[in-house]
Amino acid sequence: MKAHLIKLLTQPDDAWVAIRSEEEQHPRQYLPHLLLWTLLPSLCLFIGATWTGWSLADSERVRLSTASALQLSVLLYLATLFGTWLMGVFVRWMSRSFEARPTLNQCIGFAAYTATPYFLAGLVALYPNRWLAAITLLLASAYASYLLFVGLPKFMRLNQDRGLPYAASVWGVGLLVLVTVLVGMILLWFNLLSPEYLRPQALP
């Protein structure tokens, strides 16, 4: 798992070939990667929301109660797992149009590894800041897009004529899934879970 992470960041071409080979030999090989790395943004969010707090104005920070932060962290974890699974379903469904025949597990695994930059970007939740979060999200999106366009043809063993349109279609659906999952999470958070905010504390 660690080797795949390093290769995805340094040698993505070789990483995708190795990942596809392992998925063929051992289905669901992606699960430890998905289940463990998805914890990173959730844990960082819990720590950041309870200890650091969000800076909503120049003179205050707003924190969450432990119970509310735990609810939000669990919600983020489940939403991330659901979004990854949903992307895998779409990747599998669209594969028929590009003469690829991956299994559903292989497609979910591809989605999980492609989302790795988003998992790592969760580290910024330790110090919640609007601008830092926005910049990090943009950088994670850029590298995840790079992994997608480089990796999909290799993972699906397609030539560039079929691989690039396939990757572009997955990219468009991925953007829709990302927005839909985030909006759904926010609506659920505010309308059903009733977050409890602690008294703002002055910035040092």
N, C-alpha and C. Protein backbone atom coordinates (compact mmCIF):
# COMPACT_ATOMS: atom_id res chain seq x y z
N MET A 1 0.83 -1.21 0.00
CA MET A 1 0.00 0.00 0.00
C MET A 1 0.87 1.26 0.00
N LYS A 2 1.91 1.27 0.84
CA LYS A 2 2.81 2.43 0.90
C LYS A 2 3.57 2.58 -0.41
N ALA A 3 3.96 1.42 -1.00
CA ALA A 3 4.70 1.46 -2.26
C ALA A 3 3.86 2.07 -3.37
N HIS A 4 2.58 1.72 -3.41
CA HIS A 4 1.69 2.29 -4.43
C HIS A 4 1.54 3.79 -4.24
N LEU A 5 1.44 4.23 -3.00
CA LEU A 5 1.29 5.65 -2.72
C LEU A 5 2.50 6.42 -3.23
N ILE A 6 3.68 5.94 -2.91
CA ILE A 6 4.91 6.63 -3.34
C ILE A 6 5.02 6.64 -4.86
N LYS A 7 4.69 5.51 -5.48
CA LYS A 7 4.78 5.43 -6.94
C LYS A 7 3.75 6.32 -7.62
N LEU A 8 2.56 6.43 -7.05
CA LEU A 8 1.54 7.31 -7.62
C LEU A 8 2.00 8.75 -7.61
N LEU A 9 2.81 9.11 -6.62
CA LEU A 9 3.29 10.49 -6.51
C LEU A 9 4.56 10.73 -7.31
N THR A 10 5.33 9.67 -7.59
CA THR A 10 6.62 9.85 -8.26
C THR A 10 6.70 9.18 -9.63
N GLN A 11 6.06 8.01 -9.78
CA GLN A 11 6.10 7.26 -11.04
C GLN A 11 4.71 6.71 -11.36
N PRO A 12 3.77 7.59 -11.68
CA PRO A 12 2.39 7.13 -11.88
C PRO A 12 2.23 6.12 -13.00
N ASP A 13 3.03 6.21 -14.06
CA ASP A 13 2.93 5.24 -15.16
C ASP A 13 3.17 3.83 -14.66
N ASP A 14 4.27 3.64 -13.94
CA ASP A 14 4.60 2.32 -13.40
C ASP A 14 3.60 1.89 -12.34
N ALA A 15 3.12 2.85 -11.55
CA ALA A 15 2.17 2.52 -10.48
C ALA A 15 0.89 1.92 -11.04
N TRP A 16 0.36 2.50 -12.12
CA TRP A 16 -0.89 1.99 -12.66
C TRP A 16 -0.76 0.58 -13.23
N VAL A 17 0.37 0.29 -13.85
CA VAL A 17 0.60 -1.06 -14.37
C VAL A 17 0.64 -2.06 -13.22
N ALA A 18 1.34 -1.71 -12.14
CA ALA A 18 1.44 -2.61 -10.98
C ALA A 18 0.09 -2.77 -10.29
N ILE A 19 -0.67 -1.70 -10.18
CA ILE A 19 -1.98 -1.77 -9.52
C ILE A 19 -2.93 -2.66 -10.30
N ARG A 20 -2.97 -2.53 -11.63
CA ARG A 20 -3.86 -3.37 -12.44
C ARG A 20 -3.46 -4.84 -12.32
N SER A 21 -2.17 -5.13 -12.33
CA SER A 21 -1.70 -6.51 -12.19
C SER A 21 -2.11 -7.11 -10.86
N GLU A 22 -1.97 -6.34 -9.79
CA GLU A 22 -2.34 -6.84 -8.46
C GLU A 22 -3.85 -7.04 -8.34
N GLU A 23 -4.62 -6.13 -8.93
CA GLU A 23 -6.07 -6.26 -8.86
C GLU A 23 -6.56 -7.50 -9.60
N GLU A 24 -5.86 -7.88 -10.65
CA GLU A 24 -6.24 -9.10 -11.39
C GLU A 24 -5.91 -10.34 -10.58
N GLN A 25 -4.80 -10.31 -9.86
CA GLN A 25 -4.39 -11.48 -9.08
C GLN A 25 -5.13 -11.57 -7.75
N HIS A 26 -5.39 -10.42 -7.14
CA HIS A 26 -6.04 -10.39 -5.83
C HIS A 26 -7.15 -9.34 -5.84
N PRO A 27 -8.37 -9.71 -6.18
CA PRO A 27 -9.48 -8.75 -6.19
C PRO A 27 -9.64 -8.09 -4.82
N ARG A 28 -10.08 -6.84 -4.85
CA ARG A 28 -10.26 -6.01 -3.65
C ARG A 28 -8.95 -5.68 -2.97
N GLN A 29 -7.86 -5.71 -3.70
CA GLN A 29 -6.55 -5.33 -3.17
C GLN A 29 -6.55 -3.85 -2.76
N TYR A 30 -7.46 -3.09 -3.33
CA TYR A 30 -7.53 -1.65 -3.07
C TYR A 30 -8.13 -1.31 -1.71
N LEU A 31 -8.83 -2.26 -1.09
CA LEU A 31 -9.60 -1.95 0.12
C LEU A 31 -8.76 -1.34 1.26
N PRO A 32 -7.60 -1.92 1.61
CA PRO A 32 -6.81 -1.28 2.68
C PRO A 32 -6.45 0.16 2.34
N HIS A 33 -6.08 0.40 1.09
CA HIS A 33 -5.74 1.77 0.67
C HIS A 33 -6.93 2.70 0.86
N LEU A 34 -8.09 2.26 0.42
CA LEU A 34 -9.28 3.10 0.50
C LEU A 34 -9.72 3.32 1.94
N LEU A 35 -9.85 2.25 2.69
CA LEU A 35 -10.39 2.35 4.05
C LEU A 35 -9.48 3.12 5.00
N LEU A 36 -8.16 2.97 4.82
CA LEU A 36 -7.23 3.62 5.73
C LEU A 36 -6.96 5.07 5.34
N TRP A 37 -6.72 5.33 4.06
CA TRP A 37 -6.41 6.70 3.67
C TRP A 37 -7.62 7.61 3.74
N THR A 38 -8.81 7.04 3.63
CA THR A 38 -10.02 7.84 3.79
C THR A 38 -10.15 8.35 5.22
N LEU A 39 -9.51 7.67 6.16
CA LEU A 39 -9.55 8.11 7.55
C LEU A 39 -8.78 9.41 7.76
N LEU A 40 -7.77 9.66 6.93
CA LEU A 40 -6.90 10.81 7.15
C LEU A 40 -7.66 12.14 7.17
N PRO A 41 -8.44 12.48 6.14
CA PRO A 41 -9.17 13.75 6.21
C PRO A 41 -10.20 13.80 7.33
N SER A 42 -10.80 12.65 7.66
CA SER A 42 -11.80 12.62 8.73
C SER A 42 -11.16 12.89 10.09
N LEU A 43 -10.02 12.25 10.35
CA LEU A 43 -9.33 12.47 11.62
C LEU A 43 -8.80 13.90 11.73
N CYS A 44 -8.24 14.40 10.63
CA CYS A 44 -7.72 15.77 10.65
C CYS A 44 -8.84 16.78 10.84
N LEU A 45 -9.98 16.51 10.24
CA LEU A 45 -11.13 17.40 10.40
C LEU A 45 -11.60 17.42 11.85
N PHE A 46 -11.63 16.25 12.48
CA PHE A 46 -12.05 16.19 13.88
C PHE A 46 -11.11 17.01 14.76
N ILE A 47 -9.81 16.84 14.56
CA ILE A 47 -8.84 17.58 15.37
C ILE A 47 -8.93 19.07 15.10
N GLY A 48 -9.00 19.44 13.83
CA GLY A 48 -9.06 20.85 13.49
C GLY A 48 -10.32 21.53 13.98
N ALA A 49 -11.46 20.82 13.91
CA ALA A 49 -12.73 21.43 14.31
C ALA A 49 -12.86 21.56 15.82
N THR A 50 -12.20 20.69 16.58
CA THR A 50 -12.34 20.74 18.03
C THR A 50 -11.22 21.52 18.71
N TRP A 51 -10.04 21.54 18.11
CA TRP A 51 -8.90 22.19 18.75
C TRP A 51 -8.54 23.53 18.13
N THR A 52 -8.46 23.57 16.83
CA THR A 52 -8.04 24.80 16.16
C THR A 52 -9.22 25.73 15.89
N GLY A 53 -10.25 25.18 15.26
CA GLY A 53 -11.42 25.98 14.94
C GLY A 53 -11.27 26.72 13.62
N TRP A 54 -12.42 27.09 13.08
CA TRP A 54 -12.45 27.85 11.84
C TRP A 54 -12.36 29.34 12.13
N SER A 55 -11.59 30.03 11.32
CA SER A 55 -11.51 31.48 11.44
C SER A 55 -12.54 32.08 10.50
N LEU A 56 -13.67 32.52 11.04
CA LEU A 56 -14.74 33.09 10.23
C LEU A 56 -14.65 34.60 10.13
N ALA A 57 -13.85 35.20 10.99
CA ALA A 57 -13.63 36.65 10.95
C ALA A 57 -12.21 36.91 11.43
N ASP A 58 -11.80 38.13 11.35
CA ASP A 58 -10.41 38.45 11.70
C ASP A 58 -10.13 38.32 13.18
N SER A 59 -11.16 38.30 14.00
CA SER A 59 -10.92 38.36 15.44
C SER A 59 -11.48 37.17 16.21
N GLU A 60 -11.87 36.11 15.53
CA GLU A 60 -12.46 34.99 16.27
C GLU A 60 -12.26 33.66 15.55
N ARG A 61 -12.35 32.60 16.34
CA ARG A 61 -12.37 31.25 15.80
C ARG A 61 -13.62 30.55 16.32
N VAL A 62 -14.22 29.74 15.48
CA VAL A 62 -15.41 29.00 15.87
C VAL A 62 -15.07 27.52 15.88
N ARG A 63 -15.29 26.86 17.00
CA ARG A 63 -15.02 25.44 17.13
C ARG A 63 -16.33 24.67 17.26
N LEU A 64 -16.24 23.36 17.09
CA LEU A 64 -17.39 22.48 17.26
C LEU A 64 -17.24 21.70 18.55
N SER A 65 -18.36 21.30 19.12
CA SER A 65 -18.31 20.40 20.27
C SER A 65 -17.75 19.06 19.81
N THR A 66 -17.28 18.28 20.75
CA THR A 66 -16.71 16.98 20.41
C THR A 66 -17.73 16.09 19.70
N ALA A 67 -18.97 16.09 20.19
CA ALA A 67 -20.00 15.26 19.58
C ALA A 67 -20.29 15.69 18.14
N SER A 68 -20.39 17.01 17.91
CA SER A 68 -20.66 17.52 16.56
C SER A 68 -19.50 17.25 15.62
N ALA A 69 -18.28 17.43 16.11
CA ALA A 69 -17.11 17.16 15.28
C ALA A 69 -17.02 15.69 14.91
N LEU A 70 -17.38 14.82 15.85
CA LEU A 70 -17.37 13.39 15.57
C LEU A 70 -18.42 13.04 14.51
N GLN A 71 -19.59 13.63 14.64
CA GLN A 71 -20.63 13.41 13.63
C GLN A 71 -20.15 13.85 12.25
N LEU A 72 -19.54 15.02 12.18
CA LEU A 72 -19.06 15.54 10.91
C LEU A 72 -17.97 14.66 10.32
N SER A 73 -17.07 14.17 11.16
CA SER A 73 -15.97 13.33 10.70
C SER A 73 -16.48 11.99 10.17
N VAL A 74 -17.41 11.40 10.88
CA VAL A 74 -18.01 10.14 10.43
C VAL A 74 -18.76 10.36 9.12
N LEU A 75 -19.48 11.47 9.04
CA LEU A 75 -20.23 11.80 7.82
C LEU A 75 -19.29 11.96 6.64
N LEU A 76 -18.16 12.64 6.85
CA LEU A 76 -17.17 12.81 5.79
C LEU A 76 -16.60 11.47 5.36
N TYR A 77 -16.30 10.61 6.32
CA TYR A 77 -15.74 9.28 6.01
C TYR A 77 -16.71 8.47 5.15
N LEU A 78 -17.98 8.43 5.57
CA LEU A 78 -18.98 7.65 4.83
C LEU A 78 -19.24 8.26 3.46
N ALA A 79 -19.28 9.59 3.39
CA ALA A 79 -19.51 10.27 2.11
C ALA A 79 -18.37 9.99 1.13
N THR A 80 -17.14 9.95 1.64
CA THR A 80 -15.99 9.67 0.79
C THR A 80 -16.04 8.25 0.26
N LEU A 81 -16.36 7.30 1.14
CA LEU A 81 -16.49 5.91 0.70
C LEU A 81 -17.60 5.76 -0.34
N PHE A 82 -18.73 6.40 -0.08
CA PHE A 82 -19.84 6.31 -1.02
C PHE A 82 -19.48 6.95 -2.36
N GLY A 83 -18.84 8.11 -2.32
CA GLY A 83 -18.45 8.78 -3.55
C GLY A 83 -17.47 7.95 -4.37
N THR A 84 -16.53 7.29 -3.70
CA THR A 84 -15.56 6.44 -4.40
C THR A 84 -16.25 5.24 -5.03
N TRP A 85 -17.15 4.62 -4.27
CA TRP A 85 -17.91 3.49 -4.82
C TRP A 85 -18.75 3.92 -6.01
N LEU A 86 -19.40 5.07 -5.90
CA LEU A 86 -20.24 5.56 -6.99
C LEU A 86 -19.41 5.84 -8.24
N MET A 87 -18.22 6.40 -8.05
CA MET A 87 -17.34 6.64 -9.20
C MET A 87 -16.94 5.33 -9.85
N GLY A 88 -16.67 4.32 -9.03
CA GLY A 88 -16.35 3.01 -9.59
C GLY A 88 -17.47 2.44 -10.42
N VAL A 89 -18.69 2.63 -9.96
CA VAL A 89 -19.87 2.17 -10.71
C VAL A 89 -19.94 2.88 -12.06
N PHE A 90 -19.72 4.18 -12.06
CA PHE A 90 -19.77 4.94 -13.32
C PHE A 90 -18.64 4.55 -14.26
N VAL A 91 -17.44 4.33 -13.72
CA VAL A 91 -16.31 3.91 -14.54
C VAL A 91 -16.62 2.58 -15.21
N ARG A 92 -17.21 1.67 -14.45
CA ARG A 92 -17.59 0.36 -15.00
C ARG A 92 -18.68 0.50 -16.06
N TRP A 93 -19.65 1.34 -15.79
CA TRP A 93 -20.76 1.52 -16.73
C TRP A 93 -20.29 2.13 -18.05
N MET A 94 -19.40 3.12 -17.96
CA MET A 94 -18.92 3.78 -19.16
C MET A 94 -17.92 2.93 -19.95
N SER A 95 -17.33 1.93 -19.30
CA SER A 95 -16.32 1.12 -19.97
C SER A 95 -16.88 0.40 -21.19
N ARG A 96 -18.17 0.10 -21.19
CA ARG A 96 -18.78 -0.62 -22.30
C ARG A 96 -18.72 0.17 -23.59
N SER A 97 -18.72 1.49 -23.48
CA SER A 97 -18.70 2.34 -24.67
C SER A 97 -17.30 2.45 -25.27
N PHE A 98 -16.28 2.01 -24.51
CA PHE A 98 -14.91 2.16 -24.99
C PHE A 98 -14.20 0.81 -25.12
N GLU A 99 -14.99 -0.25 -25.19
CA GLU A 99 -14.47 -1.61 -25.42
C GLU A 99 -13.47 -2.04 -24.36
N ALA A 100 -13.73 -1.64 -23.13
CA ALA A 100 -12.95 -2.13 -21.99
C ALA A 100 -13.85 -3.06 -21.18
N ARG A 101 -13.25 -4.04 -20.54
CA ARG A 101 -14.05 -5.02 -19.79
C ARG A 101 -13.52 -5.21 -18.36
N PRO A 102 -13.39 -4.14 -17.61
CA PRO A 102 -12.94 -4.30 -16.22
C PRO A 102 -14.07 -4.81 -15.34
N THR A 103 -13.70 -5.38 -14.20
CA THR A 103 -14.70 -5.77 -13.22
C THR A 103 -15.08 -4.55 -12.38
N LEU A 104 -16.18 -4.66 -11.65
CA LEU A 104 -16.59 -3.55 -10.80
C LEU A 104 -15.54 -3.28 -9.74
N ASN A 105 -14.96 -4.33 -9.16
CA ASN A 105 -13.93 -4.12 -8.14
C ASN A 105 -12.72 -3.40 -8.70
N GLN A 106 -12.33 -3.72 -9.92
CA GLN A 106 -11.21 -3.03 -10.54
C GLN A 106 -11.52 -1.55 -10.74
N CYS A 107 -12.75 -1.25 -11.11
CA CYS A 107 -13.15 0.14 -11.32
C CYS A 107 -13.20 0.92 -10.01
N ILE A 108 -13.69 0.29 -8.95
CA ILE A 108 -13.69 0.96 -7.64
C ILE A 108 -12.25 1.18 -7.19
N GLY A 109 -11.39 0.19 -7.43
CA GLY A 109 -9.98 0.34 -7.08
C GLY A 109 -9.34 1.48 -7.84
N PHE A 110 -9.65 1.59 -9.12
CA PHE A 110 -9.11 2.70 -9.91
C PHE A 110 -9.57 4.04 -9.34
N ALA A 111 -10.85 4.13 -8.99
CA ALA A 111 -11.37 5.37 -8.41
C ALA A 111 -10.69 5.68 -7.08
N ALA A 112 -10.45 4.66 -6.28
CA ALA A 112 -9.82 4.86 -4.97
C ALA A 112 -8.40 5.39 -5.10
N TYR A 113 -7.62 4.81 -6.01
CA TYR A 113 -6.24 5.27 -6.19
C TYR A 113 -6.19 6.65 -6.85
N THR A 114 -7.12 6.91 -7.76
CA THR A 114 -7.16 8.22 -8.40
C THR A 114 -7.48 9.32 -7.39
N ALA A 115 -8.27 8.99 -6.38
CA ALA A 115 -8.67 9.97 -5.36
C ALA A 115 -7.60 10.19 -4.29
N THR A 116 -6.47 9.52 -4.40
CA THR A 116 -5.41 9.64 -3.39
C THR A 116 -5.01 11.09 -3.08
N PRO A 117 -4.87 11.97 -4.09
CA PRO A 117 -4.51 13.36 -3.76
C PRO A 117 -5.53 14.04 -2.85
N TYR A 118 -6.81 13.69 -3.00
CA TYR A 118 -7.83 14.26 -2.12
C TYR A 118 -7.66 13.76 -0.69
N PHE A 119 -7.31 12.48 -0.54
CA PHE A 119 -7.09 11.94 0.81
C PHE A 119 -5.94 12.68 1.48
N LEU A 120 -4.83 12.86 0.75
CA LEU A 120 -3.67 13.54 1.32
C LEU A 120 -3.96 15.01 1.61
N ALA A 121 -4.79 15.61 0.79
CA ALA A 121 -5.15 17.01 0.99
C ALA A 121 -5.89 17.22 2.30
N GLY A 122 -6.45 16.15 2.87
CA GLY A 122 -7.16 16.26 4.13
C GLY A 122 -6.30 16.73 5.28
N LEU A 123 -4.99 16.69 5.11
CA LEU A 123 -4.09 17.17 6.16
C LEU A 123 -4.33 18.63 6.50
N VAL A 124 -4.78 19.42 5.54
CA VAL A 124 -4.99 20.85 5.80
C VAL A 124 -6.13 21.09 6.78
N ALA A 125 -6.96 20.07 7.00
CA ALA A 125 -8.06 20.23 7.95
C ALA A 125 -7.56 20.36 9.38
N LEU A 126 -6.28 20.05 9.62
CA LEU A 126 -5.71 20.26 10.95
C LEU A 126 -5.70 21.74 11.32
N TYR A 127 -5.58 22.58 10.29
CA TYR A 127 -5.62 24.02 10.52
C TYR A 127 -6.64 24.61 9.55
N PRO A 128 -7.93 24.53 9.90
CA PRO A 128 -8.98 24.96 8.97
C PRO A 128 -8.86 26.44 8.61
N ASN A 129 -8.71 26.67 7.32
CA ASN A 129 -8.61 28.03 6.80
C ASN A 129 -9.21 28.02 5.40
N ARG A 130 -10.06 28.98 5.11
CA ARG A 130 -10.79 28.97 3.85
C ARG A 130 -9.87 29.01 2.64
N TRP A 131 -8.89 29.92 2.66
CA TRP A 131 -8.02 30.07 1.50
C TRP A 131 -7.08 28.89 1.36
N LEU A 132 -6.55 28.42 2.47
CA LEU A 132 -5.67 27.26 2.42
C LEU A 132 -6.41 26.04 1.90
N ALA A 133 -7.66 25.85 2.36
CA ALA A 133 -8.47 24.72 1.91
C ALA A 133 -8.76 24.82 0.42
N ALA A 134 -9.08 26.02 -0.05
CA ALA A 134 -9.41 26.21 -1.46
C ALA A 134 -8.20 25.92 -2.36
N ILE A 135 -7.03 26.45 -1.97
CA ILE A 135 -5.81 26.24 -2.77
C ILE A 135 -5.43 24.77 -2.78
N THR A 136 -5.51 24.12 -1.62
CA THR A 136 -5.16 22.71 -1.53
C THR A 136 -6.11 21.86 -2.35
N LEU A 137 -7.40 22.19 -2.31
CA LEU A 137 -8.38 21.44 -3.09
C LEU A 137 -8.11 21.57 -4.59
N LEU A 138 -7.71 22.76 -5.02
CA LEU A 138 -7.39 22.96 -6.44
C LEU A 138 -6.16 22.13 -6.84
N LEU A 139 -5.15 22.13 -5.99
CA LEU A 139 -3.95 21.35 -6.29
C LEU A 139 -4.24 19.85 -6.31
N ALA A 140 -5.04 19.39 -5.35
CA ALA A 140 -5.42 17.98 -5.32
C ALA A 140 -6.23 17.60 -6.55
N SER A 141 -7.12 18.48 -6.96
CA SER A 141 -7.93 18.22 -8.15
C SER A 141 -7.06 18.14 -9.40
N ALA A 142 -6.06 19.02 -9.48
CA ALA A 142 -5.17 19.01 -10.64
C ALA A 142 -4.38 17.71 -10.72
N TYR A 143 -3.85 17.25 -9.58
CA TYR A 143 -3.05 16.02 -9.63
C TYR A 143 -3.93 14.79 -9.80
N ALA A 144 -5.12 14.80 -9.23
CA ALA A 144 -6.04 13.68 -9.43
C ALA A 144 -6.44 13.60 -10.91
N SER A 145 -6.62 14.75 -11.55
CA SER A 145 -6.93 14.77 -12.98
C SER A 145 -5.76 14.20 -13.79
N TYR A 146 -4.56 14.56 -13.38
CA TYR A 146 -3.37 14.02 -14.05
C TYR A 146 -3.31 12.50 -13.91
N LEU A 147 -3.54 12.00 -12.70
CA LEU A 147 -3.55 10.55 -12.49
C LEU A 147 -4.62 9.87 -13.35
N LEU A 148 -5.76 10.52 -13.46
CA LEU A 148 -6.85 9.96 -14.26
C LEU A 148 -6.46 9.85 -15.73
N PHE A 149 -5.96 10.93 -16.31
CA PHE A 149 -5.66 10.92 -17.74
C PHE A 149 -4.45 10.07 -18.08
N VAL A 150 -3.50 9.99 -17.16
CA VAL A 150 -2.34 9.13 -17.38
C VAL A 150 -2.69 7.68 -17.11
N GLY A 151 -3.49 7.45 -16.07
CA GLY A 151 -3.70 6.09 -15.60
C GLY A 151 -4.79 5.30 -16.28
N LEU A 152 -5.87 5.95 -16.70
CA LEU A 152 -7.01 5.19 -17.24
C LEU A 152 -6.65 4.37 -18.48
N PRO A 153 -5.96 4.95 -19.47
CA PRO A 153 -5.59 4.11 -20.62
C PRO A 153 -4.71 2.92 -20.23
N LYS A 154 -3.78 3.13 -19.31
CA LYS A 154 -2.90 2.04 -18.90
C LYS A 154 -3.66 1.01 -18.07
N PHE A 155 -4.49 1.49 -17.15
CA PHE A 155 -5.21 0.57 -16.27
C PHE A 155 -6.21 -0.28 -17.07
N MET A 156 -6.88 0.36 -18.04
CA MET A 156 -7.87 -0.35 -18.86
C MET A 156 -7.26 -1.01 -20.09
N ARG A 157 -5.95 -0.79 -20.30
CA ARG A 157 -5.23 -1.36 -21.45
C ARG A 157 -5.88 -0.95 -22.76
N LEU A 158 -6.02 0.36 -22.90
CA LEU A 158 -6.60 0.93 -24.11
C LEU A 158 -5.57 1.82 -24.79
N ASN A 159 -5.71 1.98 -26.10
CA ASN A 159 -4.84 2.92 -26.79
C ASN A 159 -5.33 4.34 -26.52
N GLN A 160 -4.54 5.32 -26.94
CA GLN A 160 -4.87 6.71 -26.63
C GLN A 160 -6.16 7.18 -27.29
N ASP A 161 -6.47 6.62 -28.46
CA ASP A 161 -7.69 7.02 -29.17
C ASP A 161 -8.95 6.71 -28.36
N ARG A 162 -8.92 5.63 -27.62
CA ARG A 162 -10.07 5.28 -26.78
C ARG A 162 -9.87 5.72 -25.34
N GLY A 163 -8.62 5.70 -24.89
CA GLY A 163 -8.36 6.00 -23.48
C GLY A 163 -8.63 7.45 -23.11
N LEU A 164 -8.23 8.39 -23.96
CA LEU A 164 -8.41 9.80 -23.61
C LEU A 164 -9.88 10.23 -23.59
N PRO A 165 -10.71 9.86 -24.58
CA PRO A 165 -12.14 10.20 -24.46
C PRO A 165 -12.80 9.54 -23.25
N TYR A 166 -12.37 8.32 -22.94
CA TYR A 166 -12.88 7.62 -21.76
C TYR A 166 -12.52 8.40 -20.50
N ALA A 167 -11.26 8.83 -20.41
CA ALA A 167 -10.81 9.59 -19.24
C ALA A 167 -11.54 10.93 -19.14
N ALA A 168 -11.77 11.58 -20.29
CA ALA A 168 -12.49 12.85 -20.27
C ALA A 168 -13.93 12.66 -19.78
N SER A 169 -14.56 11.56 -20.18
CA SER A 169 -15.92 11.27 -19.72
C SER A 169 -15.95 11.01 -18.22
N VAL A 170 -14.96 10.25 -17.74
CA VAL A 170 -14.87 9.97 -16.30
C VAL A 170 -14.62 11.25 -15.52
N TRP A 171 -13.78 12.15 -16.09
CA TRP A 171 -13.49 13.41 -15.42
C TRP A 171 -14.77 14.24 -15.24
N GLY A 172 -15.58 14.30 -16.29
CA GLY A 172 -16.83 15.07 -16.21
C GLY A 172 -17.79 14.48 -15.18
N VAL A 173 -17.93 13.16 -15.19
CA VAL A 173 -18.80 12.51 -14.21
C VAL A 173 -18.24 12.67 -12.81
N GLY A 174 -16.92 12.60 -12.69
CA GLY A 174 -16.29 12.75 -11.38
C GLY A 174 -16.55 14.11 -10.77
N LEU A 175 -16.50 15.15 -11.59
CA LEU A 175 -16.80 16.50 -11.10
C LEU A 175 -18.23 16.58 -10.60
N LEU A 176 -19.14 15.97 -11.33
CA LEU A 176 -20.55 15.97 -10.92
C LEU A 176 -20.74 15.20 -9.61
N VAL A 177 -20.09 14.05 -9.50
CA VAL A 177 -20.20 13.24 -8.27
C VAL A 177 -19.62 13.99 -7.09
N LEU A 178 -18.46 14.65 -7.28
CA LEU A 178 -17.83 15.39 -6.19
C LEU A 178 -18.74 16.49 -5.67
N VAL A 179 -19.31 17.27 -6.58
CA VAL A 179 -20.19 18.36 -6.17
C VAL A 179 -21.45 17.81 -5.50
N THR A 180 -22.03 16.76 -6.07
CA THR A 180 -23.26 16.19 -5.53
C THR A 180 -23.06 15.63 -4.12
N VAL A 181 -21.97 14.91 -3.92
CA VAL A 181 -21.69 14.32 -2.61
C VAL A 181 -21.43 15.41 -1.58
N LEU A 182 -20.67 16.44 -1.95
CA LEU A 182 -20.38 17.52 -1.02
C LEU A 182 -21.64 18.29 -0.64
N VAL A 183 -22.45 18.62 -1.63
CA VAL A 183 -23.69 19.33 -1.35
C VAL A 183 -24.62 18.49 -0.49
N GLY A 184 -24.74 17.20 -0.81
CA GLY A 184 -25.58 16.31 0.00
C GLY A 184 -25.10 16.21 1.43
N MET A 185 -23.78 16.15 1.59
CA MET A 185 -23.21 16.09 2.94
C MET A 185 -23.51 17.36 3.72
N ILE A 186 -23.36 18.51 3.07
CA ILE A 186 -23.63 19.79 3.75
C ILE A 186 -25.10 19.91 4.15
N LEU A 187 -25.99 19.52 3.25
CA LEU A 187 -27.42 19.59 3.56
C LEU A 187 -27.78 18.67 4.71
N LEU A 188 -27.22 17.48 4.71
CA LEU A 188 -27.48 16.53 5.80
C LEU A 188 -26.92 17.06 7.11
N TRP A 189 -25.74 17.65 7.05
CA TRP A 189 -25.08 18.17 8.24
C TRP A 189 -25.90 19.28 8.89
N PHE A 190 -26.37 20.23 8.11
CA PHE A 190 -27.08 21.37 8.67
C PHE A 190 -28.55 21.08 8.99
N ASN A 191 -29.19 20.22 8.23
CA ASN A 191 -30.63 20.01 8.40
C ASN A 191 -31.01 18.87 9.33
N LEU A 192 -30.14 17.88 9.47
CA LEU A 192 -30.50 16.72 10.28
C LEU A 192 -29.65 16.55 11.53
N LEU A 193 -28.38 16.93 11.46
CA LEU A 193 -27.48 16.67 12.59
C LEU A 193 -27.39 17.83 13.58
N SER A 194 -27.82 19.00 13.19
CA SER A 194 -27.85 20.17 14.09
C SER A 194 -26.51 20.38 14.79
N PRO A 195 -25.51 20.89 14.09
CA PRO A 195 -24.19 21.09 14.70
C PRO A 195 -24.22 22.03 15.90
N GLU A 196 -23.38 21.72 16.87
CA GLU A 196 -23.29 22.54 18.08
C GLU A 196 -21.98 23.32 18.06
N TYR A 197 -22.07 24.63 17.96
CA TYR A 197 -20.90 25.48 17.92
C TYR A 197 -20.55 25.96 19.32
N LEU A 198 -19.25 26.02 19.59
CA LEU A 198 -18.80 26.52 20.89
C LEU A 198 -18.59 28.02 20.78
N ARG A 199 -18.53 28.67 21.92
CA ARG A 199 -18.37 30.12 21.96
C ARG A 199 -17.07 30.53 21.25
N PRO A 200 -17.16 31.50 20.34
CA PRO A 200 -15.96 31.93 19.63
C PRO A 200 -14.89 32.38 20.59
N GLN A 201 -13.65 32.03 20.24
CA GLN A 201 -12.52 32.46 21.06
C GLN A 201 -11.67 33.44 20.27
N ALA A 202 -11.11 34.40 20.97
CA ALA A 202 -10.32 35.44 20.30
C ALA A 202 -9.05 34.84 19.72
N LEU A 203 -8.65 35.32 18.56
CA LEU A 203 -7.40 34.89 17.97
C LEU A 203 -6.23 35.47 18.76
N PRO A 204 -5.14 34.73 18.85
CA PRO A 204 -3.97 35.27 19.57
C PRO A 204 -3.36 36.44 18.80
